[in-house]
Each structure stands twice: as C-alpha cells, then as structure tokens.
Amino acid sequence: MGDVTMGTTRGTAQRRRPELAAFLRSRRARVTPADVGMPPGLRRRTPGLRREEVAQLSGVGVTWYTWLEQGRPINASPQVLDAVARTLRLDAPEREHLYHLAEVPYSPAPEALAQSVGPEIQGIIDALDPRPAVVYNSRYDVLAANCAYRELFYRDGPEEGAGNAMWTLFTVDERDCPLVFRDQELPVMVATLRAAYGVHAGEPAWEDFIRRLSAASPLFARLWASGDVAQPGRRVKVFRHVDVGELRMTSLSLSVNGMPECRIVVYTPDDEETARRTALLRERRESVWATRNPAP
C-alpha cells in the first residue's frame, strides 16, 4: 500500500510541474512592461515580460525563477509565491491555482467580511419558508433571513434589519433564549467563531467585537478563554417557541459561491410534529398579515 501511495504522489507531482510551467509562461506573456512601469525596450521576441524581469520585480534569483518556470522540483515559500503572483498580476483564483500547482499549502488573503447579500440570495432565503433560513458571515452577522428564522430567534416576533446571532444569544435573558439546550449549543458556536477568528486575529473590527461581547457576557468570555475550535456542520437543535412549543430542527450549512466566509444555514424539521408546528406558524403569520392588510 505504501508503494502505491508513493507512486501516486510522485505521479501527481510529475503532472503538476509541467502544468505549473505552462501556467507561469502564459501569465508572464500577458503582462507588458508598461503594466509594471518598465520601458518597453527593443528586440522583444515574445509578448510580455522576460524571465529575468519577473525575477527582478519579484525579488528572487533569475536561476531560481527559471527553474520554477521550467517545472523543476524546487521548494517555494508562500512569501515568494505571493511576490511572483503580484508581479504577474494574478487574481485570487489564479493565486490559489499557483499555490496548488507549486504544492504549497494555500491560505486565502483575509478579506473584509460581507455585510449584505443581493436580491437573488434573499429570494432563495424567502422561498425556503416555512423552513427557517439565514445567511451568516463567519462572525455570525445576519446578512439575510426569512420570516421563519426571525420568528424562531426573536421572541417578540419577526424583526427587520441585520443583527448578530452571537450577540443575540449571549445577551438575551436565559429564560428568553430560543435554544432549549443552551449549555450544549453555545459552546459549539463559540468554537466555530474561534476557528474563523484565526484568519482575522488582530483586525480591529474582530478584536472590538470579541472585546465588547466578552464584556457583555461573562459566559461568552469564559467559553472564548477555553480556546476550543470547531467547524460549522450539521446539528440537531431544539428551539422553544412561545406559541407552538418545542421545535426539533436539523441545521444544514451551505456555502455561497462568490461570498467567501459566508454560509446559508437552513433549519429543517427533524420530526413530523415539528413539521406540523412550523407549518402552523406560517399559517398563523399569514393570518395576521391578512388581518392587517385586508383586500380592497
């Protein structure tokens, strides 16, 4: 088994090296001297930059870069690959592709967290009703939610406007918390938050959020100090609703293409009684709306 694994690894590396060489040559060919503030010069046989120019602009040796572009088995650090990526004006997907071909662990550059979604995403969220659905970024800011989610999480009924699920659950009175097994669920949420925090450690917005929530909630401060880390995943959660009682919901996280660090979380009834009660909540909500907005 070990020989098979080693052979597969060698085969993968041998295939990636010519791919890396071709990729670097193609990216180099599209960058002109004018793009990087250099004079065009004379006698350019091919479009784009020369190898020695890429090496100079990236701060690496000409021989090293030549070997990299030839697909030779040399080691490359993330710092050097980033320098080459900047010189070749690679966008985020191209930078990730370069890392994979060079067999270097890829870490996306920190980005500002999304704070809104487009109408298409909001439409999808709304169409999932009566299933509660929400779009979170990695700090648990609520970017979009349907009426079923707002009715599930806010005791006084649907609320408009974005908030933060962590702030809501840790600062609400324990008697008003919508989670039945609060002591089990909140530690998981904090561990998930800490996993995302690793990419943003030191950023003022994140540090301020952690500081303010720690001051507002001793429970959050204690859980945060534990250092536990977890990833979002499928869970069965039990909610309490003032009108229909307990609801057993399975939460499912879905990534959102084009929105890094964001996910759609959909809560699906885990049993027939919960399905009946969520349908009843929608009927009740529609009845209230019809009363407030009678047909002309």
Protein backbone atom coordinates (compact mmCIF):
# COMPACT_ATOMS: atom_id res chain seq x y z
CA MET A 1 0.00 0.00 0.00
CA GLY A 2 2.87 2.36 0.87
CA ASP A 3 4.50 1.83 -2.56
CA VAL A 4 1.18 2.56 -4.30
CA THR A 5 0.73 5.77 -2.30
CA MET A 6 4.27 6.92 -3.01
CA GLY A 7 3.85 6.16 -6.70
CA THR A 8 0.62 8.14 -6.83
CA THR A 9 2.27 11.08 -5.08
CA ARG A 10 5.21 11.06 -7.49
CA GLY A 11 2.85 10.83 -10.46
CA THR A 12 0.82 13.77 -9.21
CA ALA A 13 3.95 15.88 -8.72
CA GLN A 14 5.26 14.99 -12.17
CA ARG A 15 1.96 16.05 -13.72
CA ARG A 16 1.75 19.29 -11.77
CA ARG A 17 5.23 20.52 -12.73
CA PRO A 18 4.57 20.89 -16.47
CA GLU A 19 1.19 22.42 -15.62
CA LEU A 20 2.96 24.92 -13.36
CA ALA A 21 5.48 25.73 -16.08
CA ALA A 22 2.77 26.31 -18.69
CA PHE A 23 0.69 28.39 -16.30
CA LEU A 24 3.58 30.72 -15.38
CA ARG A 25 4.57 31.18 -19.02
CA SER A 26 1.01 32.06 -20.00
CA ARG A 27 0.64 34.56 -17.16
CA ARG A 28 4.03 36.13 -17.92
CA ALA A 29 3.11 36.55 -21.57
CA ARG A 30 0.07 38.70 -20.80
CA VAL A 31 1.88 41.24 -18.58
CA THR A 32 3.52 44.03 -20.57
CA PRO A 33 6.44 46.15 -19.39
CA ALA A 34 4.08 49.14 -19.29
CA ASP A 35 1.83 47.24 -16.84
CA VAL A 36 4.65 47.18 -14.29
CA GLY A 37 6.12 50.61 -15.04
CA MET A 38 9.05 49.45 -17.17
CA PRO A 39 10.15 50.87 -20.56
CA PRO A 40 9.20 48.61 -23.49
CA GLY A 41 12.81 48.15 -24.67
CA LEU A 42 13.89 46.80 -28.02
CA ARG A 43 14.04 43.42 -29.73
CA ARG A 44 11.33 41.67 -27.73
CA ARG A 45 10.75 38.35 -29.43
CA THR A 46 7.71 37.40 -27.37
CA PRO A 47 4.94 39.40 -25.73
CA GLY A 48 5.00 40.06 -22.05
CA LEU A 49 7.82 40.16 -19.54
CA ARG A 50 11.11 38.29 -19.72
CA ARG A 51 12.00 35.77 -17.05
CA GLU A 52 14.74 37.96 -15.65
CA GLU A 53 12.28 40.86 -15.37
CA VAL A 54 9.81 38.74 -13.41
CA ALA A 55 12.63 37.61 -11.13
CA GLN A 56 13.84 41.18 -10.58
CA LEU A 57 10.38 42.55 -9.86
CA SER A 58 9.64 39.64 -7.52
CA GLY A 59 12.91 39.93 -5.63
CA VAL A 60 14.09 36.40 -6.43
CA GLY A 61 17.07 35.00 -8.28
CA VAL A 62 16.88 34.61 -12.04
CA THR A 63 18.07 30.99 -11.88
CA TRP A 64 15.51 30.13 -9.18
CA TYR A 65 12.62 31.65 -11.14
CA THR A 66 13.80 29.97 -14.36
CA TRP A 67 13.79 26.60 -12.61
CA LEU A 68 10.33 27.33 -11.16
CA GLU A 69 9.00 28.12 -14.63
CA GLN A 70 10.67 25.03 -16.03
CA GLY A 71 8.81 22.91 -13.51
CA ARG A 72 11.90 21.66 -11.72
CA PRO A 73 11.46 20.12 -8.23
CA ILE A 74 12.42 23.15 -6.14
CA ASN A 75 10.92 24.42 -2.90
CA ALA A 76 8.88 27.61 -2.92
CA SER A 77 7.71 29.54 0.14
CA PRO A 78 4.35 31.31 0.37
CA GLN A 79 6.16 34.66 0.56
CA VAL A 80 7.99 34.05 -2.71
CA LEU A 81 4.89 32.75 -4.47
CA ASP A 82 2.98 35.83 -3.33
CA ALA A 83 5.72 38.06 -4.76
CA VAL A 84 5.55 36.24 -8.10
CA ALA A 85 1.74 36.43 -8.03
CA ARG A 86 1.88 40.21 -7.52
CA THR A 87 4.35 40.67 -10.37
CA LEU A 88 2.22 38.56 -12.72
CA ARG A 89 -0.93 40.39 -11.54
CA LEU A 90 -2.73 37.19 -10.59
CA ASP A 91 -6.25 37.46 -9.25
CA ALA A 92 -7.46 35.39 -6.27
CA PRO A 93 -8.43 32.20 -8.22
CA GLU A 94 -5.16 32.34 -10.18
CA ARG A 95 -3.16 32.79 -6.98
CA GLU A 96 -4.84 29.74 -5.46
CA HIS A 97 -4.15 27.77 -8.65
CA LEU A 98 -0.47 28.74 -8.48
CA TYR A 99 -0.21 27.50 -4.90
CA HIS A 100 -1.80 24.16 -5.73
CA LEU A 101 0.47 23.58 -8.73
CA ALA A 102 3.53 24.51 -6.65
CA GLU A 103 2.31 22.11 -3.92
CA VAL A 104 2.35 24.82 -1.25
CA PRO A 105 -0.50 24.97 1.33
CA TYR A 106 -2.87 27.72 0.28
CA SER A 107 -4.18 30.36 2.69
CA PRO A 108 -6.57 32.90 1.17
CA ALA A 109 -5.76 36.51 1.86
CA PRO A 110 -8.02 37.99 4.58
CA GLU A 111 -10.94 39.88 3.09
CA ALA A 112 -13.42 42.28 4.56
CA LEU A 113 -16.45 40.31 5.67
CA ALA A 114 -19.54 40.64 3.54
CA GLN A 115 -22.24 42.75 5.16
CA SER A 116 -25.06 42.34 2.64
CA VAL A 117 -26.44 39.98 0.01
CA GLY A 118 -28.08 40.55 -3.34
CA PRO A 119 -31.78 40.14 -4.14
CA GLU A 120 -31.16 36.69 -5.64
CA ILE A 121 -29.91 35.29 -2.33
CA GLN A 122 -32.69 37.00 -0.41
CA GLY A 123 -35.19 35.45 -2.83
CA ILE A 124 -33.80 31.98 -2.19
CA ILE A 125 -33.99 32.52 1.57
CA ASP A 126 -37.59 33.73 1.35
CA ALA A 127 -38.60 30.79 -0.86
CA LEU A 128 -37.45 28.31 1.82
CA ASP A 129 -40.20 29.45 4.22
CA PRO A 130 -41.63 27.76 6.35
CA ARG A 131 -38.13 26.41 6.90
CA PRO A 132 -36.12 29.00 8.85
CA ALA A 133 -33.13 30.13 6.79
CA VAL A 134 -30.39 32.72 7.27
CA VAL A 135 -27.14 33.89 5.70
CA TYR A 136 -24.27 34.32 8.17
CA ASN A 137 -20.78 35.58 7.63
CA SER A 138 -18.03 33.99 9.73
CA ARG A 139 -18.69 36.40 12.62
CA TYR A 140 -22.36 35.33 12.76
CA ASP A 141 -23.57 38.68 11.39
CA VAL A 142 -27.05 38.10 9.95
CA LEU A 143 -26.85 39.20 6.29
CA ALA A 144 -30.28 37.93 5.27
CA ALA A 145 -33.06 35.98 6.95
CA ASN A 146 -36.58 34.90 6.17
CA CYS A 147 -39.63 35.46 8.35
CA ALA A 148 -39.49 31.93 9.76
CA TYR A 149 -35.93 32.48 11.04
CA ARG A 150 -36.78 35.82 12.64
CA GLU A 151 -39.85 34.31 14.30
CA LEU A 152 -37.76 31.42 15.62
CA PHE A 153 -34.92 33.52 17.05
CA TYR A 154 -36.76 36.62 18.25
CA ARG A 155 -39.38 36.05 20.90
CA ASP A 156 -41.30 39.23 20.13
CA GLY A 157 -41.87 38.19 16.53
CA PRO A 158 -40.17 38.89 13.22
CA GLU A 159 -37.60 41.67 13.29
CA GLU A 160 -36.35 43.59 10.31
CA GLY A 161 -32.73 44.52 9.82
CA ALA A 162 -29.48 42.69 10.34
CA GLY A 163 -28.10 41.74 13.71
CA ASN A 164 -25.62 39.25 15.09
CA ALA A 165 -26.70 35.79 16.23
CA MET A 166 -23.89 35.51 18.79
CA TRP A 167 -24.79 38.83 20.36
CA THR A 168 -28.48 37.94 20.47
CA LEU A 169 -28.00 34.51 22.07
CA PHE A 170 -25.41 35.59 24.64
CA THR A 171 -27.06 38.81 25.81
CA VAL A 172 -30.71 37.74 25.92
CA ASP A 173 -32.09 36.67 29.29
CA GLU A 174 -31.60 32.91 29.69
CA ARG A 175 -35.37 32.47 30.09
CA ASP A 176 -35.90 34.11 26.70
CA CYS A 177 -33.18 32.22 24.83
CA PRO A 178 -34.75 30.30 21.93
CA LEU A 179 -32.33 27.37 22.36
CA VAL A 180 -33.55 24.69 24.74
CA PHE A 181 -30.13 23.10 25.28
CA ARG A 182 -28.31 26.40 25.59
CA ASP A 183 -25.39 24.97 27.56
CA GLN A 184 -24.65 22.49 24.75
CA GLU A 185 -25.17 24.73 21.73
CA LEU A 186 -23.45 27.95 22.75
CA PRO A 187 -20.00 26.37 23.29
CA VAL A 188 -20.16 24.95 19.75
CA MET A 189 -20.99 28.38 18.32
CA VAL A 190 -18.07 29.97 20.17
CA ALA A 191 -15.70 27.24 18.96
CA THR A 192 -16.90 27.85 15.39
CA LEU A 193 -16.34 31.59 15.82
CA ARG A 194 -12.82 30.98 17.09
CA ALA A 195 -11.98 28.85 14.03
CA ALA A 196 -12.93 31.80 11.81
CA TYR A 197 -11.14 34.28 14.07
CA GLY A 198 -7.78 32.71 13.28
CA VAL A 199 -7.78 34.32 9.84
CA HIS A 200 -8.77 37.72 11.26
CA ALA A 201 -6.77 37.88 14.50
CA GLY A 202 -5.61 41.43 15.09
CA GLU A 203 -8.19 43.06 12.81
CA PRO A 204 -9.81 45.99 14.67
CA ALA A 205 -13.41 45.01 13.83
CA TRP A 206 -12.93 41.46 15.11
CA GLU A 207 -10.98 42.46 18.19
CA ASP A 208 -13.61 45.05 19.09
CA PHE A 209 -16.41 42.52 18.61
CA ILE A 210 -14.71 39.96 20.88
CA ARG A 211 -13.94 42.62 23.49
CA ARG A 212 -17.48 44.03 23.60
CA LEU A 213 -19.19 40.64 23.69
CA SER A 214 -16.81 39.41 26.42
CA ALA A 215 -17.69 42.48 28.49
CA ALA A 216 -21.43 41.99 27.89
CA SER A 217 -21.48 38.24 28.58
CA PRO A 218 -19.33 36.51 31.22
CA LEU A 219 -20.43 33.19 29.71
CA PHE A 220 -19.04 34.16 26.32
CA ALA A 221 -15.79 35.38 27.94
CA ARG A 222 -15.40 32.03 29.71
CA LEU A 223 -16.11 29.97 26.60
CA TRP A 224 -13.80 32.14 24.50
CA ALA A 225 -10.98 31.66 27.00
CA SER A 226 -11.31 27.87 26.64
CA GLY A 227 -9.67 28.03 23.20
CA ASP A 228 -11.92 25.35 21.67
CA VAL A 229 -12.17 25.28 17.86
CA ALA A 230 -14.84 23.68 15.62
CA GLN A 231 -16.12 23.88 12.06
CA PRO A 232 -19.75 24.54 11.01
CA GLY A 233 -21.69 21.35 10.44
CA ARG A 234 -24.97 19.50 10.62
CA ARG A 235 -26.59 19.53 14.06
CA VAL A 236 -29.99 18.83 15.58
CA LYS A 237 -31.12 21.78 17.69
CA VAL A 238 -34.20 22.15 19.85
CA PHE A 239 -35.91 25.54 19.90
CA ARG A 240 -38.74 26.78 22.08
CA HIS A 241 -41.49 28.98 20.67
CA VAL A 242 -43.95 30.84 22.84
CA ASP A 243 -46.94 29.83 20.67
CA VAL A 244 -46.28 26.26 19.49
CA GLY A 245 -43.77 24.82 21.95
CA GLU A 246 -40.57 22.93 21.18
CA LEU A 247 -39.25 22.52 17.64
CA ARG A 248 -36.57 19.95 16.76
CA MET A 249 -34.61 21.30 13.80
CA THR A 250 -31.68 19.93 11.80
CA SER A 251 -29.33 22.73 10.77
CA LEU A 252 -27.51 22.42 7.45
CA SER A 253 -24.78 24.84 6.30
CA LEU A 254 -24.34 25.59 2.59
CA SER A 255 -21.53 27.69 1.12
CA VAL A 256 -22.36 30.70 -1.05
CA ASN A 257 -20.38 30.89 -4.27
CA GLY A 258 -18.64 34.24 -4.64
CA MET A 259 -19.09 35.12 -0.96
CA PRO A 260 -16.06 33.88 1.00
CA GLU A 261 -16.68 33.09 4.67
CA CYS A 262 -20.45 33.18 4.22
CA ARG A 263 -22.92 30.35 4.51
CA ILE A 264 -26.63 29.73 4.22
CA VAL A 265 -27.98 27.88 7.24
CA VAL A 266 -31.31 26.12 6.75
CA TYR A 267 -33.28 24.61 9.64
CA THR A 268 -35.33 21.57 8.58
CA PRO A 269 -37.92 19.89 10.86
CA ASP A 270 -36.42 16.76 12.40
CA ASP A 271 -39.75 15.05 13.04
CA GLU A 272 -43.37 15.15 11.87
CA GLU A 273 -44.59 17.09 14.88
CA THR A 274 -42.05 19.84 14.27
CA ALA A 275 -43.05 19.94 10.59
CA ARG A 276 -46.69 20.37 11.64
CA ARG A 277 -45.80 23.12 14.10
CA THR A 278 -43.66 25.08 11.63
CA ALA A 279 -46.49 24.92 9.08
CA LEU A 280 -48.84 26.16 11.78
CA LEU A 281 -46.54 29.10 12.47
CA ARG A 282 -46.64 30.08 8.81
CA GLU A 283 -50.42 29.86 8.71
CA ARG A 284 -50.60 31.99 11.84
CA ARG A 285 -48.23 34.56 10.34
CA GLU A 286 -50.20 34.73 7.08
CA SER A 287 -53.45 35.13 9.01
CA VAL A 288 -52.01 38.06 10.98
CA TRP A 289 -50.77 39.65 7.75
CA ALA A 290 -54.17 39.26 6.08
CA THR A 291 -55.88 40.86 9.09
CA ARG A 292 -53.52 43.84 8.99
CA ASN A 293 -53.72 44.13 5.22
CA PRO A 294 -57.32 43.38 4.17
CA ALA A 295 -58.07 43.01 0.49
CA PRO A 296 -59.61 46.15 -1.09
